[in-house]
Amino acid sequence: MITIRPASERGAANFGWLDTRHTFSFGHYFDPNHMGFASLRVINEDKISPSMGFGTHGHRDMEIVTYVLSGAIKHEDSIGTGSVIRPGDVQRMSAGTGIRHSEFNASASEPVHMLQIWLLPGEAGLEPGYEQIHIPLEEKQGQLRLVGSHDGREGSVTIHQDVNLYATLLAAGGQVTHALNPGRVAWVQVARGAIELNGHSLTAGDGAAVSDLAQLALTGAAAEAEVLLFDMAV
C-alpha cells in the first residue's frame, strides 16, 4: 500500500527569514493524522535567508539528520562541535540526555535550502553525539546510496534506530529498485524534481508511506530528481 502525503497539504509557516514546510506535526502545526510514520517523527523543509537562522536551543532523545539541498548551514553545539554543512553532506546529531545547538545560514548573500529530519531513537538517555560525512554526487547518481544506518555501515552516519536511509539522484527515465523485507515499512521523500513510485506520480515536497509491498521502483520523471528513502522497522 502506498499513501501519498502531498506537498501542498503540509503544515506551513513563513517568518520572513524562514519559509518552512512540515510533513508531520511540528511547532504550531498540529494534525493528529500526521504525527509521524514508524520511527520517523519530523521532516521539515526549510528555506533560510542569508545570515539568519536558529539561535541556541535544546533537544533531548531525538536523532536529528540534516540534509542540505543548496547553500550552507553553520552548526555549533554544546558538546564542542562546529561545522558547515553543504550539499552532499549528511549530518547526524544525537540529542540523547540533552544537547544545545544553533544553526545559521553560513552565507551573507545566498539562501540555504535544507531538510531537517527527526527520528525517535531506539532507546532514551543516550550520550549526545555528532557525526558528519560527505557523499560524492556520483555515488548517488542512478543508485540508492546508504547515507544513514543503525550500524554506520558502508560509510553512512550512525542513526540509533533500526532504519536504513538512502539517497538517490535520478535522471529522467532512470530507475532504482528497493526490496522491502517483511516487517519493514518505507517512507519516500522527494526533495526536488519528480518521480514515479510504483506508478504513482510524486513531485518536489511530496512524501509517500509504503507498507505491505515487496519492492519499490523509483523512476525519474524530471531533468533530475533527488529522493530520500527510509527503510524502517514497523
Protein backbone atom coordinates (compact mmCIF):
# COMPACT_ATOMS: atom_id res chain seq x y z
CA MET A 1 0.00 0.00 0.00
CA ILE A 2 1.22 3.48 -0.89
CA THR A 3 -0.28 6.54 0.83
CA ILE A 4 0.82 9.86 -0.63
CA ARG A 5 1.39 12.93 1.54
CA PRO A 6 1.09 15.83 -0.96
CA ALA A 7 3.46 18.76 -0.54
CA SER A 8 0.51 21.16 -0.77
CA GLU A 9 -1.11 19.65 2.33
CA ARG A 10 1.90 20.04 4.62
CA GLY A 11 1.94 22.46 7.51
CA ALA A 12 3.45 25.84 6.58
CA ALA A 13 4.88 28.89 8.27
CA ASN A 14 6.71 31.95 6.99
CA PHE A 15 8.58 34.17 9.43
CA GLY A 16 10.22 36.32 6.77
CA TRP A 17 13.70 34.93 7.37
CA LEU A 18 12.37 31.33 7.44
CA ASP A 19 9.95 29.72 4.99
CA THR A 20 9.20 26.22 6.25
CA ARG A 21 7.00 23.22 5.41
CA HIS A 22 6.19 20.42 7.87
CA THR A 23 5.39 16.91 6.60
CA PHE A 24 4.38 15.93 10.15
CA SER A 25 3.04 17.86 13.14
CA PHE A 26 5.65 20.32 14.38
CA GLY A 27 5.67 23.55 16.38
CA HIS A 28 2.39 25.42 15.95
CA TYR A 29 1.23 22.98 13.26
CA PHE A 30 -0.74 20.06 14.71
CA ASP A 31 -2.56 17.37 12.78
CA PRO A 32 -3.45 14.18 14.71
CA ASN A 33 -3.48 12.29 11.40
CA HIS A 34 0.13 13.21 10.67
CA MET A 35 2.19 12.69 13.81
CA GLY A 36 4.95 10.71 12.11
CA PHE A 37 5.45 7.34 10.46
CA ALA A 38 7.15 4.40 12.21
CA SER A 39 10.24 5.94 13.88
CA LEU A 40 10.15 8.96 11.57
CA ARG A 41 8.87 11.95 13.50
CA VAL A 42 9.80 15.13 11.57
CA ILE A 43 10.61 16.13 8.01
CA ASN A 44 10.89 19.90 7.77
CA GLU A 45 11.79 21.63 4.51
CA ASP A 46 13.44 24.91 5.49
CA LYS A 47 14.49 27.90 3.36
CA ILE A 48 16.58 30.30 5.45
CA SER A 49 17.57 33.84 4.47
CA PRO A 50 21.23 34.92 4.35
CA SER A 51 22.92 35.24 7.77
CA MET A 52 19.73 34.18 9.56
CA GLY A 53 18.93 31.02 11.49
CA PHE A 54 18.03 29.29 14.70
CA GLY A 55 19.63 30.61 17.88
CA THR A 56 20.86 28.27 20.59
CA HIS A 57 18.12 25.87 21.67
CA GLY A 58 17.89 22.43 23.22
CA HIS A 59 16.81 18.90 22.27
CA ARG A 60 16.52 15.57 24.08
CA ASP A 61 16.11 11.95 22.99
CA MET A 62 15.96 12.51 19.25
CA GLU A 63 18.12 11.53 16.27
CA ILE A 64 18.38 14.63 14.07
CA VAL A 65 19.59 14.39 10.47
CA THR A 66 20.35 17.48 8.38
CA TYR A 67 20.45 17.23 4.57
CA VAL A 68 21.30 20.39 2.63
CA LEU A 69 19.98 20.87 -0.91
CA SER A 70 21.57 24.24 -1.66
CA GLY A 71 23.58 26.82 0.24
CA ALA A 72 25.32 26.06 3.53
CA ILE A 73 24.29 25.91 7.18
CA LYS A 74 26.67 26.58 10.08
CA HIS A 75 26.26 24.36 13.14
CA GLU A 76 27.60 24.82 16.68
CA ASP A 77 26.66 22.77 19.74
CA SER A 78 27.22 22.30 23.46
CA ILE A 79 29.49 19.26 23.03
CA GLY A 80 32.08 21.35 21.22
CA THR A 81 31.20 20.56 17.62
CA GLY A 82 31.29 23.24 14.95
CA SER A 83 30.87 22.64 11.23
CA VAL A 84 29.41 23.90 7.97
CA ILE A 85 27.00 21.55 6.17
CA ARG A 86 26.78 21.80 2.38
CA PRO A 87 25.09 19.83 -0.43
CA GLY A 88 26.42 16.28 -0.38
CA ASP A 89 26.95 16.36 3.38
CA VAL A 90 24.86 14.36 5.82
CA GLN A 91 24.89 15.36 9.48
CA ARG A 92 23.57 13.30 12.38
CA MET A 93 23.15 14.73 15.85
CA SER A 94 22.03 12.50 18.71
CA ALA A 95 20.34 14.68 21.32
CA GLY A 96 20.25 11.90 23.91
CA THR A 97 20.32 13.14 27.51
CA GLY A 98 20.39 16.72 26.24
CA ILE A 99 22.20 18.92 23.75
CA ARG A 100 22.03 22.60 22.80
CA HIS A 101 22.90 23.88 19.36
CA SER A 102 22.50 26.72 16.89
CA GLU A 103 22.10 26.69 13.10
CA PHE A 104 22.68 29.74 10.92
CA ASN A 105 22.92 30.33 7.20
CA ALA A 106 26.66 30.44 6.60
CA SER A 107 26.30 32.93 3.73
CA ALA A 108 25.62 36.68 3.91
CA SER A 109 24.23 36.69 0.37
CA GLU A 110 22.72 33.31 -0.55
CA PRO A 111 19.72 31.48 0.99
CA VAL A 112 20.01 27.93 2.26
CA HIS A 113 17.52 25.17 1.40
CA MET A 114 17.60 22.07 3.58
CA LEU A 115 15.70 19.17 5.06
CA GLN A 116 15.81 18.56 8.78
CA ILE A 117 14.74 15.08 9.81
CA TRP A 118 13.99 13.75 13.29
CA LEU A 119 13.80 10.06 14.17
CA LEU A 120 12.89 8.60 17.54
CA PRO A 121 15.91 6.76 18.98
CA GLY A 122 15.78 3.08 19.84
CA GLU A 123 16.33 3.95 23.48
CA ALA A 124 16.21 7.03 25.66
CA GLY A 125 19.10 8.50 27.59
CA LEU A 126 21.87 8.04 25.02
CA GLU A 127 25.07 10.05 25.25
CA PRO A 128 24.81 13.12 22.99
CA GLY A 129 26.83 12.78 19.81
CA TYR A 130 27.56 14.23 16.39
CA GLU A 131 28.69 12.87 13.04
CA GLN A 132 29.06 14.33 9.56
CA ILE A 133 30.02 12.71 6.26
CA HIS A 134 30.27 13.80 2.64
CA ILE A 135 28.76 11.72 -0.18
CA PRO A 136 30.11 12.49 -3.68
CA LEU A 137 27.40 13.13 -6.27
CA GLU A 138 28.44 10.19 -8.40
CA GLU A 139 27.72 7.78 -5.54
CA LYS A 140 24.04 8.82 -5.60
CA GLN A 141 23.53 9.09 -9.35
CA GLY A 142 21.30 6.32 -10.62
CA GLN A 143 21.67 4.27 -7.45
CA LEU A 144 20.49 4.17 -3.87
CA ARG A 145 23.39 5.26 -1.67
CA LEU A 146 23.12 4.32 2.01
CA VAL A 147 23.69 7.56 3.95
CA GLY A 148 22.39 6.57 7.41
CA SER A 149 22.02 3.24 9.23
CA HIS A 150 21.82 1.74 12.71
CA ASP A 151 25.36 0.35 12.42
CA GLY A 152 27.08 3.01 10.32
CA ARG A 153 27.98 0.52 7.59
CA GLU A 154 29.13 1.43 4.08
CA GLY A 155 30.35 4.82 5.22
CA SER A 156 26.94 6.02 6.43
CA VAL A 157 26.23 8.02 9.56
CA THR A 158 25.13 6.00 12.58
CA ILE A 159 21.47 6.52 13.49
CA HIS A 160 20.45 4.99 16.83
CA GLN A 161 17.33 3.38 15.42
CA ASP A 162 16.50 0.42 13.14
CA VAL A 163 16.48 2.48 9.96
CA ASN A 164 18.32 2.46 6.66
CA LEU A 165 18.31 5.87 4.98
CA TYR A 166 19.16 6.06 1.28
CA ALA A 167 19.63 8.99 -1.10
CA THR A 168 19.50 8.92 -4.89
CA LEU A 169 19.74 11.25 -7.86
CA LEU A 170 17.62 10.14 -10.82
CA ALA A 171 17.77 11.45 -14.37
CA ALA A 172 14.58 11.40 -16.42
CA GLY A 173 13.83 7.75 -17.12
CA GLY A 174 16.44 6.48 -14.68
CA GLN A 175 15.22 3.86 -12.24
CA VAL A 176 16.25 2.27 -8.96
CA THR A 177 14.51 -0.54 -7.11
CA HIS A 178 14.48 -1.44 -3.43
CA ALA A 179 13.31 -4.67 -1.80
CA LEU A 180 11.19 -4.15 1.31
CA ASN A 181 11.51 -7.13 3.63
CA PRO A 182 8.67 -8.46 5.82
CA GLY A 183 8.25 -6.41 8.98
CA ARG A 184 9.59 -3.28 7.27
CA VAL A 185 7.93 -0.11 6.02
CA ALA A 186 9.28 2.74 3.93
CA TRP A 187 8.89 6.46 3.54
CA VAL A 188 9.86 8.11 0.25
CA GLN A 189 10.51 11.87 0.26
CA VAL A 190 11.06 13.80 -2.96
CA ALA A 191 13.49 16.61 -2.18
CA ARG A 192 13.43 18.07 -5.69
CA GLY A 193 12.32 17.09 -9.17
CA ALA A 194 9.66 14.47 -9.86
CA ILE A 195 9.45 10.67 -9.87
CA GLU A 196 7.12 7.77 -10.39
CA LEU A 197 6.86 5.45 -7.36
CA ASN A 198 5.33 2.13 -8.41
CA GLY A 199 3.20 4.04 -10.89
CA HIS A 200 2.29 6.91 -8.53
CA SER A 201 3.43 10.42 -9.52
CA LEU A 202 5.35 12.40 -6.88
CA THR A 203 6.81 15.88 -7.19
CA ALA A 204 9.07 18.03 -5.01
CA GLY A 205 7.93 18.07 -1.39
CA ASP A 206 5.66 15.05 -1.75
CA GLY A 207 6.14 12.07 0.54
CA ALA A 208 4.75 8.55 0.50
CA ALA A 209 4.22 5.96 3.21
CA VAL A 210 4.79 2.42 1.93
CA SER A 211 3.74 -0.81 3.62
CA ASP A 212 2.89 -4.38 2.60
CA LEU A 213 4.89 -4.15 -0.62
CA ALA A 214 7.79 -6.41 -1.54
CA GLN A 215 9.54 -3.98 -3.90
CA LEU A 216 9.68 -0.27 -4.62
CA ALA A 217 10.51 1.11 -8.07
CA LEU A 218 11.53 4.77 -8.30
CA THR A 219 11.73 6.25 -11.80
CA GLY A 220 12.94 9.74 -12.61
CA ALA A 221 10.31 11.92 -14.28
CA ALA A 222 12.14 15.26 -14.47
CA ALA A 223 15.56 16.53 -15.55
CA GLU A 224 16.97 15.35 -12.23
CA ALA A 225 15.22 14.25 -9.09
CA GLU A 226 16.73 13.96 -5.60
CA VAL A 227 15.00 11.49 -3.31
CA LEU A 228 15.40 10.12 0.21
CA LEU A 229 14.14 6.63 1.08
CA PHE A 230 13.71 5.50 4.69
CA ASP A 231 13.53 1.72 5.23
CA MET A 232 12.31 1.20 8.83
CA ALA A 233 11.16 -1.44 11.24
CA VAL A 234 7.43 -1.38 11.91
